[in-house]
Amino acid sequence: EISQYYDNLIGKLVCWGHDRPTAIGRTIRALEELEVAGVATTIPADLAILRHDDFADVRHSTKWVEETLDLSGVHAHADEFRVGDESEPRVRRDVPVEVDGRRFAVSVWVPETAAASAPTGTASRRRASSSGSAGAGNGQIAVPMQGTVVSISVAVGDSVEAGDTLLVLEAMKMENNIAADIAGTVTEIKVSEGDSVGGGDLVMVIEA
């Protein structure tokens, strides 16, 4: 079962024309010129659909791809993304990227020397981001994104330091540490493990 919160869309190509053949032709040309590296896309299947006579003649339906279209020879490939000096071997790193309060998992290929030092920097950025989103130093701990509470690391009455992990939030298939923004005592916990929360929801209160 795939929930309504899942979306695999990473980009959208929109083409238009004064009639159907023109729009189809422009879309085929644009797809042939479009380059996406690092992830597999549906471009090969899109081209197979657009070039089919049934699609051009509007003889397709909601079941047409499943029942008529032959995609047996169509394969999507995730080309490795390389940039800069190619003399040093590169390795894949999965890193978290936060945009407008939403966190995404992004795969990049980096030099081996950079990858060796990445875990510490990544962890510190993740912790700083979670801490900063948690309430800007007022003890009102809010989550920066929609997700599910995986675990709670503290109880009411516990003393915490700024930066300590309070709970773990699963969002976008990643586990995110929600940290204390001030040192103090946990006075209120508003969620339980397994609860679903929305971006900006208050989950915990700390008093200095």
C-alpha atoms as a PDB file:
ATOM      1  CA  GLU A   1       0.000   0.000   0.000  1.00  0.00           C
ATOM      2  CA  ILE A   2       1.378   3.385  -1.026  1.00  0.00           C
ATOM      3  CA  SER A   3       0.082   6.280   1.055  1.00  0.00           C
ATOM      4  CA  GLN A   4      -1.125   9.593  -0.378  1.00  0.00           C
ATOM      5  CA  TYR A   5       2.015  11.260   1.006  1.00  0.00           C
ATOM      6  CA  TYR A   6       4.344   9.445  -1.410  1.00  0.00           C
ATOM      7  CA  ASP A   7       5.370  11.298  -4.561  1.00  0.00           C
ATOM      8  CA  ASN A   8       8.137  10.135  -6.888  1.00  0.00           C
ATOM      9  CA  LEU A   9       7.931  13.215  -9.122  1.00  0.00           C
ATOM     10  CA  ILE A  10      11.350  14.902  -9.382  1.00  0.00           C
ATOM     11  CA  GLY A  11      10.636  17.081 -12.389  1.00  0.00           C
ATOM     12  CA  LYS A  12       7.990  17.871 -14.977  1.00  0.00           C
ATOM     13  CA  LEU A  13       8.388  18.599 -18.693  1.00  0.00           C
ATOM     14  CA  VAL A  14       5.501  20.501 -20.282  1.00  0.00           C
ATOM     15  CA  CYS A  15       5.180  21.100 -24.034  1.00  0.00           C
ATOM     16  CA  TRP A  16       2.421  22.654 -26.108  1.00  0.00           C
ATOM     17  CA  GLY A  17       1.464  23.223 -29.730  1.00  0.00           C
ATOM     18  CA  HIS A  18      -1.372  24.589 -31.844  1.00  0.00           C
ATOM     19  CA  ASP A  19      -2.506  21.008 -32.558  1.00  0.00           C
ATOM     20  CA  ARG A  20      -1.875  17.484 -31.280  1.00  0.00           C
ATOM     21  CA  PRO A  21       0.824  16.478 -33.810  1.00  0.00           C
ATOM     22  CA  THR A  22       2.797  19.640 -33.094  1.00  0.00           C
ATOM     23  CA  ALA A  23       2.595  19.147 -29.327  1.00  0.00           C
ATOM     24  CA  ILE A  24       3.647  15.505 -29.655  1.00  0.00           C
ATOM     25  CA  GLY A  25       6.559  16.397 -31.943  1.00  0.00           C
ATOM     26  CA  ARG A  26       7.795  19.101 -29.595  1.00  0.00           C
ATOM     27  CA  THR A  27       7.554  16.758 -26.624  1.00  0.00           C
ATOM     28  CA  ILE A  28       9.504  14.014 -28.394  1.00  0.00           C
ATOM     29  CA  ARG A  29      12.239  16.486 -29.322  1.00  0.00           C
ATOM     30  CA  ALA A  30      12.384  17.870 -25.780  1.00  0.00           C
ATOM     31  CA  LEU A  31      12.599  14.390 -24.246  1.00  0.00           C
ATOM     32  CA  GLU A  32      15.389  13.433 -26.646  1.00  0.00           C
ATOM     33  CA  GLU A  33      17.336  16.523 -25.563  1.00  0.00           C
ATOM     34  CA  LEU A  34      16.564  16.211 -21.849  1.00  0.00           C
ATOM     35  CA  GLU A  35      19.451  14.895 -19.744  1.00  0.00           C
ATOM     36  CA  VAL A  36      18.870  13.590 -16.215  1.00  0.00           C
ATOM     37  CA  ALA A  37      21.840  11.942 -14.477  1.00  0.00           C
ATOM     38  CA  GLY A  38      22.001   9.972 -11.254  1.00  0.00           C
ATOM     39  CA  VAL A  39      18.497   8.495 -11.249  1.00  0.00           C
ATOM     40  CA  ALA A  40      16.431   6.355 -13.608  1.00  0.00           C
ATOM     41  CA  THR A  41      13.535   8.133 -15.320  1.00  0.00           C
ATOM     42  CA  THR A  42      10.495   7.194 -17.404  1.00  0.00           C
ATOM     43  CA  ILE A  43      11.820   9.011 -20.490  1.00  0.00           C
ATOM     44  CA  PRO A  44      12.299   5.805 -22.574  1.00  0.00           C
ATOM     45  CA  ALA A  45       8.715   4.727 -21.843  1.00  0.00           C
ATOM     46  CA  ASP A  46       7.410   8.239 -22.511  1.00  0.00           C
ATOM     47  CA  LEU A  47       9.044   8.228 -25.945  1.00  0.00           C
ATOM     48  CA  ALA A  48       7.586   4.800 -26.743  1.00  0.00           C
ATOM     49  CA  ILE A  49       4.117   6.109 -25.930  1.00  0.00           C
ATOM     50  CA  LEU A  50       4.471   9.347 -27.871  1.00  0.00           C
ATOM     51  CA  ARG A  51       5.775   7.566 -30.982  1.00  0.00           C
ATOM     52  CA  HIS A  52       2.980   4.988 -31.050  1.00  0.00           C
ATOM     53  CA  ASP A  53       0.304   5.362 -33.743  1.00  0.00           C
ATOM     54  CA  ASP A  54      -2.464   4.716 -31.214  1.00  0.00           C
ATOM     55  CA  PHE A  55      -1.365   7.721 -29.170  1.00  0.00           C
ATOM     56  CA  ALA A  56      -1.112   9.946 -32.219  1.00  0.00           C
ATOM     57  CA  ASP A  57      -4.586   8.893 -33.380  1.00  0.00           C
ATOM     58  CA  VAL A  58      -6.142   9.134 -29.883  1.00  0.00           C
ATOM     59  CA  ARG A  59      -6.934   5.425 -29.787  1.00  0.00           C
ATOM     60  CA  HIS A  60      -5.448   4.918 -26.316  1.00  0.00           C
ATOM     61  CA  SER A  61      -7.263   4.527 -22.992  1.00  0.00           C
ATOM     62  CA  THR A  62      -6.547   4.135 -19.277  1.00  0.00           C
ATOM     63  CA  LYS A  63      -5.772   0.448 -19.904  1.00  0.00           C
ATOM     64  CA  TRP A  64      -3.892   0.967 -23.157  1.00  0.00           C
ATOM     65  CA  VAL A  65      -0.402   0.858 -21.637  1.00  0.00           C
ATOM     66  CA  GLU A  66      -1.213  -2.292 -19.684  1.00  0.00           C
ATOM     67  CA  GLU A  67      -3.039  -4.171 -22.424  1.00  0.00           C
ATOM     68  CA  THR A  68      -1.567  -2.946 -25.731  1.00  0.00           C
ATOM     69  CA  LEU A  69       1.726  -1.114 -25.442  1.00  0.00           C
ATOM     70  CA  ASP A  70       4.824  -3.300 -25.698  1.00  0.00           C
ATOM     71  CA  LEU A  71       7.560  -1.988 -23.380  1.00  0.00           C
ATOM     72  CA  SER A  72       9.561  -5.223 -23.297  1.00  0.00           C
ATOM     73  CA  GLY A  73      12.495  -3.610 -25.095  1.00  0.00           C
ATOM     74  CA  VAL A  74      12.425  -0.377 -23.120  1.00  0.00           C
ATOM     75  CA  HIS A  75      14.915   0.030 -20.270  1.00  0.00           C
ATOM     76  CA  ALA A  76      15.613   2.949 -17.974  1.00  0.00           C
ATOM     77  CA  HIS A  77      19.191   3.560 -16.910  1.00  0.00           C
ATOM     78  CA  ALA A  78      20.510   5.681 -14.056  1.00  0.00           C
ATOM     79  CA  ASP A  79      23.663   7.215 -15.471  1.00  0.00           C
ATOM     80  CA  GLU A  80      26.341   7.972 -12.927  1.00  0.00           C
ATOM     81  CA  PHE A  81      26.729  11.706 -12.483  1.00  0.00           C
ATOM     82  CA  ARG A  82      30.325  12.873 -12.760  1.00  0.00           C
ATOM     83  CA  VAL A  83      31.728  16.363 -12.725  1.00  0.00           C
ATOM     84  CA  GLY A  84      35.182  17.920 -12.440  1.00  0.00           C
ATOM     85  CA  ASP A  85      38.386  15.912 -12.107  1.00  0.00           C
ATOM     86  CA  GLU A  86      37.802  12.339 -13.292  1.00  0.00           C
ATOM     87  CA  SER A  87      41.202  11.103 -12.146  1.00  0.00           C
ATOM     88  CA  GLU A  88      39.983  10.312  -8.622  1.00  0.00           C
ATOM     89  CA  PRO A  89      37.463   7.465  -8.124  1.00  0.00           C
ATOM     90  CA  ARG A  90      34.040   8.571  -6.992  1.00  0.00           C
ATOM     91  CA  VAL A  91      31.590   6.870  -4.660  1.00  0.00           C
ATOM     92  CA  ARG A  92      27.900   7.298  -4.064  1.00  0.00           C
ATOM     93  CA  ARG A  93      26.751   9.172  -0.969  1.00  0.00           C
ATOM     94  CA  ASP A  94      23.142   9.529   0.187  1.00  0.00           C
ATOM     95  CA  VAL A  95      22.734  12.878   1.897  1.00  0.00           C
ATOM     96  CA  PRO A  96      19.774  14.770   3.393  1.00  0.00           C
ATOM     97  CA  VAL A  97      18.797  18.082   1.807  1.00  0.00           C
ATOM     98  CA  GLU A  98      16.266  20.420   3.389  1.00  0.00           C
ATOM     99  CA  VAL A  99      14.223  22.807   1.209  1.00  0.00           C
ATOM    100  CA  ASP A 100      11.541  25.064   2.675  1.00  0.00           C
ATOM    101  CA  GLY A 101      11.265  22.910   5.784  1.00  0.00           C
ATOM    102  CA  ARG A 102      10.970  19.618   3.878  1.00  0.00           C
ATOM    103  CA  ARG A 103      13.768  17.075   3.912  1.00  0.00           C
ATOM    104  CA  PHE A 104      14.708  15.005   0.891  1.00  0.00           C
ATOM    105  CA  ALA A 105      17.171  12.160   0.320  1.00  0.00           C
ATOM    106  CA  VAL A 106      19.574  12.955  -2.515  1.00  0.00           C
ATOM    107  CA  SER A 107      22.231  10.666  -4.006  1.00  0.00           C
ATOM    108  CA  VAL A 108      25.462  12.231  -5.214  1.00  0.00           C
ATOM    109  CA  TRP A 109      28.782  10.915  -6.476  1.00  0.00           C
ATOM    110  CA  VAL A 110      31.762  12.471  -4.700  1.00  0.00           C
ATOM    111  CA  PRO A 111      35.534  11.827  -4.625  1.00  0.00           C
ATOM    112  CA  GLU A 112      36.573   9.071  -2.235  1.00  0.00           C
ATOM    113  CA  THR A 113      38.589  11.516  -0.145  1.00  0.00           C
ATOM    114  CA  ALA A 114      35.550  13.728   0.366  1.00  0.00           C
ATOM    115  CA  ALA A 115      33.333  10.749   1.168  1.00  0.00           C
ATOM    116  CA  ALA A 116      35.718   9.609   3.890  1.00  0.00           C
ATOM    117  CA  SER A 117      35.211  12.859   5.795  1.00  0.00           C
ATOM    118  CA  ALA A 118      31.518  13.338   5.012  1.00  0.00           C
ATOM    119  CA  PRO A 119      29.818  11.497   7.925  1.00  0.00           C
ATOM    120  CA  THR A 120      30.929  13.953  10.613  1.00  0.00           C
ATOM    121  CA  GLY A 121      29.972  17.008   8.615  1.00  0.00           C
ATOM    122  CA  THR A 122      26.676  15.507   7.531  1.00  0.00           C
ATOM    123  CA  ALA A 123      25.769  14.550  11.076  1.00  0.00           C
ATOM    124  CA  SER A 124      26.580  18.002  12.421  1.00  0.00           C
ATOM    125  CA  ARG A 125      24.543  19.738   9.698  1.00  0.00           C
ATOM    126  CA  ARG A 126      21.611  17.416  10.292  1.00  0.00           C
ATOM    127  CA  ARG A 127      21.725  18.039  14.022  1.00  0.00           C
ATOM    128  CA  ALA A 128      22.021  21.800  13.596  1.00  0.00           C
ATOM    129  CA  SER A 129      19.133  21.843  11.146  1.00  0.00           C
ATOM    130  CA  SER A 130      16.869  19.848  13.431  1.00  0.00           C
ATOM    131  CA  SER A 131      17.820  21.936  16.418  1.00  0.00           C
ATOM    132  CA  GLY A 132      17.314  25.167  14.557  1.00  0.00           C
ATOM    133  CA  SER A 133      13.905  24.081  13.313  1.00  0.00           C
ATOM    134  CA  ALA A 134      12.858  22.991  16.745  1.00  0.00           C
ATOM    135  CA  GLY A 135      12.061  26.398  18.150  1.00  0.00           C
ATOM    136  CA  ALA A 136      14.941  28.924  17.878  1.00  0.00           C
ATOM    137  CA  GLY A 137      15.892  28.790  21.542  1.00  0.00           C
ATOM    138  CA  ASN A 138      12.554  29.115  23.347  1.00  0.00           C
ATOM    139  CA  GLY A 139      12.031  25.531  24.485  1.00  0.00           C
ATOM    140  CA  GLN A 140       8.913  25.129  22.347  1.00  0.00           C
ATOM    141  CA  ILE A 141       9.981  22.105  20.327  1.00  0.00           C
ATOM    142  CA  ALA A 142       8.172  21.846  16.984  1.00  0.00           C
ATOM    143  CA  VAL A 143       8.887  19.426  14.166  1.00  0.00           C
ATOM    144  CA  PRO A 144      10.056  20.956  10.865  1.00  0.00           C
ATOM    145  CA  MET A 145       8.171  18.541   8.638  1.00  0.00           C
ATOM    146  CA  GLN A 146       5.348  16.012   8.448  1.00  0.00           C
ATOM    147  CA  GLY A 147       6.263  12.541   9.649  1.00  0.00           C
ATOM    148  CA  THR A 148       5.886   9.749  12.195  1.00  0.00           C
ATOM    149  CA  VAL A 149       7.395   9.703  15.666  1.00  0.00           C
ATOM    150  CA  VAL A 150       9.683   6.661  15.705  1.00  0.00           C
ATOM    151  CA  SER A 151      11.103   6.963  19.205  1.00  0.00           C
ATOM    152  CA  ILE A 152      11.201   9.354  22.167  1.00  0.00           C
ATOM    153  CA  SER A 153      14.510   9.644  24.011  1.00  0.00           C
ATOM    154  CA  VAL A 154      13.402  11.600  27.088  1.00  0.00           C
ATOM    155  CA  ALA A 155      10.672  11.657  29.710  1.00  0.00           C
ATOM    156  CA  VAL A 156       8.957  14.453  31.604  1.00  0.00           C
ATOM    157  CA  GLY A 157      11.318  15.672  34.326  1.00  0.00           C
ATOM    158  CA  ASP A 158      14.523  14.802  32.449  1.00  0.00           C
ATOM    159  CA  SER A 159      17.289  17.390  32.208  1.00  0.00           C
ATOM    160  CA  VAL A 160      18.633  18.018  28.715  1.00  0.00           C
ATOM    161  CA  GLU A 161      21.324  20.118  27.099  1.00  0.00           C
ATOM    162  CA  ALA A 162      20.946  22.131  23.922  1.00  0.00           C
ATOM    163  CA  GLY A 163      21.552  19.787  21.005  1.00  0.00           C
ATOM    164  CA  ASP A 164      20.468  16.610  22.823  1.00  0.00           C
ATOM    165  CA  THR A 165      18.195  14.362  20.775  1.00  0.00           C
ATOM    166  CA  LEU A 166      14.636  14.434  22.105  1.00  0.00           C
ATOM    167  CA  LEU A 167      12.883  12.232  19.569  1.00  0.00           C
ATOM    168  CA  VAL A 168      13.366  10.666  16.159  1.00  0.00           C
ATOM    169  CA  LEU A 169      10.986  11.611  13.365  1.00  0.00           C
ATOM    170  CA  GLU A 170      10.639   9.486  10.227  1.00  0.00           C
ATOM    171  CA  ALA A 171       9.915  11.613   7.178  1.00  0.00           C
ATOM    172  CA  MET A 172      10.564  11.090   3.464  1.00  0.00           C
ATOM    173  CA  LYS A 173      11.950   7.606   4.254  1.00  0.00           C
ATOM    174  CA  MET A 174      14.597   9.163   6.517  1.00  0.00           C
ATOM    175  CA  GLU A 175      15.013   9.301  10.285  1.00  0.00           C
ATOM    176  CA  ASN A 176      15.565  12.832  11.588  1.00  0.00           C
ATOM    177  CA  ASN A 177      16.784  13.717  15.072  1.00  0.00           C
ATOM    178  CA  ILE A 178      14.719  16.460  16.693  1.00  0.00           C
ATOM    179  CA  ALA A 179      17.012  18.168  19.177  1.00  0.00           C
ATOM    180  CA  ALA A 180      16.645  20.413  22.209  1.00  0.00           C
ATOM    181  CA  ASP A 181      17.152  24.087  21.405  1.00  0.00           C
ATOM    182  CA  ILE A 182      17.902  25.099  24.997  1.00  0.00           C
ATOM    183  CA  ALA A 183      19.208  23.491  28.167  1.00  0.00           C
ATOM    184  CA  GLY A 184      16.557  22.799  30.761  1.00  0.00           C
ATOM    185  CA  THR A 185      13.955  20.353  32.018  1.00  0.00           C
ATOM    186  CA  VAL A 186      11.379  18.554  29.897  1.00  0.00           C
ATOM    187  CA  THR A 187       8.019  19.665  31.268  1.00  0.00           C
ATOM    188  CA  GLU A 188       5.620  18.357  28.630  1.00  0.00           C
ATOM    189  CA  ILE A 189       5.606  15.701  25.908  1.00  0.00           C
ATOM    190  CA  LYS A 190       2.658  16.056  23.557  1.00  0.00           C
ATOM    191  CA  VAL A 191       3.224  12.984  21.355  1.00  0.00           C
ATOM    192  CA  SER A 192       3.742   9.245  21.673  1.00  0.00           C
ATOM    193  CA  GLU A 193       5.739   6.806  19.611  1.00  0.00           C
ATOM    194  CA  GLY A 194       3.860   5.977  16.409  1.00  0.00           C
ATOM    195  CA  ASP A 195       1.995   9.302  16.277  1.00  0.00           C
ATOM    196  CA  SER A 196       1.770  11.177  12.979  1.00  0.00           C
ATOM    197  CA  VAL A 197       2.602  14.871  13.122  1.00  0.00           C
ATOM    198  CA  GLY A 198       2.514  17.766  10.706  1.00  0.00           C
ATOM    199  CA  GLY A 199       5.142  20.374   9.962  1.00  0.00           C
ATOM    200  CA  GLY A 200       5.191  22.992  12.738  1.00  0.00           C
ATOM    201  CA  ASP A 201       3.371  20.827  15.295  1.00  0.00           C
ATOM    202  CA  LEU A 202       4.480  21.381  18.898  1.00  0.00           C
ATOM    203  CA  VAL A 203       5.731  18.083  20.288  1.00  0.00           C
ATOM    204  CA  MET A 204       7.606  18.960  23.464  1.00  0.00           C
ATOM    205  CA  VAL A 205       8.188  21.773  25.948  1.00  0.00           C
ATOM    206  CA  ILE A 206      11.460  22.503  27.781  1.00  0.00           C
ATOM    207  CA  GLU A 207      11.810  25.022  30.583  1.00  0.00           C
ATOM    208  CA  ALA A 208      15.197  26.526  31.346  1.00  0.00           C
END
